[in-house]
Protein backbone atom coordinates (compact mmCIF):
# COMPACT_ATOMS: atom_id res chain seq x y z
CA MET A 1 0.00 -0.04 -0.07
CA PRO A 2 1.51 3.33 -0.98
CA SER A 3 2.06 5.84 1.83
CA LYS A 4 0.18 9.16 1.74
CA THR A 5 0.87 12.52 3.41
CA VAL A 6 -2.09 14.63 4.76
CA THR A 7 -1.62 18.17 5.73
CA LEU A 8 -3.89 19.69 8.20
CA GLU A 9 -4.23 23.12 9.60
CA ILE A 10 -4.83 23.15 13.23
CA PRO A 11 -4.39 25.81 15.95
CA ALA A 12 -0.84 26.10 17.43
CA ARG A 13 -1.95 25.09 20.93
CA GLN A 14 -3.46 21.87 19.44
CA ALA A 15 -0.44 21.25 17.44
CA ALA A 16 1.80 21.53 20.38
CA LYS A 17 -0.38 19.09 22.40
CA TYR A 18 -0.01 16.56 19.45
CA GLU A 19 3.60 17.10 19.24
CA ALA A 20 4.10 16.59 23.00
CA ALA A 21 1.98 13.41 22.87
CA PHE A 22 4.02 12.00 20.09
CA ASP A 23 7.27 12.79 21.80
CA GLU A 24 6.03 11.11 24.91
CA TYR A 25 4.92 8.07 22.96
CA ILE A 26 8.36 7.85 21.25
CA GLU A 27 9.98 8.19 24.64
CA LYS A 28 8.00 5.36 25.97
CA ILE A 29 8.96 3.21 22.95
CA ASP A 30 12.56 3.93 23.47
CA ARG A 31 12.22 3.00 27.28
CA SER A 32 10.45 -0.12 26.37
CA LEU A 33 13.30 -1.09 23.76
CA GLU A 34 15.92 -0.45 26.29
CA ARG A 35 14.15 -2.52 28.91
CA ASN A 36 13.75 -5.38 26.42
CA LYS A 37 17.53 -5.17 25.58
CA ARG A 38 18.45 -5.33 29.30
CA THR A 39 15.99 -8.26 29.74
CA GLN A 40 17.49 -10.16 26.76
CA GLU A 41 20.99 -9.59 28.10
CA ARG A 42 19.93 -11.07 31.34
CA ILE A 43 18.36 -14.05 29.63
CA ASP A 44 21.47 -14.64 27.79
CA ARG A 45 23.71 -14.34 30.83
CA LEU A 46 21.52 -16.79 32.70
CA LYS A 47 21.47 -19.25 29.77
CA ALA A 48 25.23 -19.21 29.69
CA GLU A 49 25.44 -19.71 33.38
CA THR A 50 22.99 -22.56 33.20
CA ALA A 51 24.99 -24.29 30.48
CA VAL A 52 28.04 -24.15 32.64
CA ILE A 53 26.25 -25.70 35.69
CA ARG A 54 24.77 -28.35 33.60
CA ALA A 55 28.17 -29.29 31.98
CA ARG A 56 29.56 -29.49 35.57
CA LEU A 57 26.56 -31.69 36.75
CA GLN A 58 26.91 -34.05 33.70
CA ALA A 59 30.62 -34.40 34.23
CA ARG A 60 30.01 -35.16 37.96
CA MET A 61 27.19 -37.67 37.15
CA LYS A 62 29.46 -39.39 34.47
CA GLY A 63 32.22 -39.62 37.13
CA LEU A 64 30.01 -41.06 39.66
CA CYS A 65 27.80 -43.36 37.44
CA GLY A 66 30.16 -43.85 34.48
CA ARG A 67 27.62 -42.72 31.98
CA ASN A 68 26.00 -39.66 30.43
CA PHE A 69 22.59 -38.33 31.52
């Protein structure tokens, strides 16, 4: 679908309110993206830590039982 541009003439006060609302919305999106980035970094770190713990447990179980689990 092709994009379209629409021009409206509205009072300056109303335009300022719209602009402030858009700016606030964009700030919320930016904060959400940053929070998602931090969450993903934490998930990745926990996955790596879990992999290390799992490898240690598997090695210990192999040593104790002589086989992999």
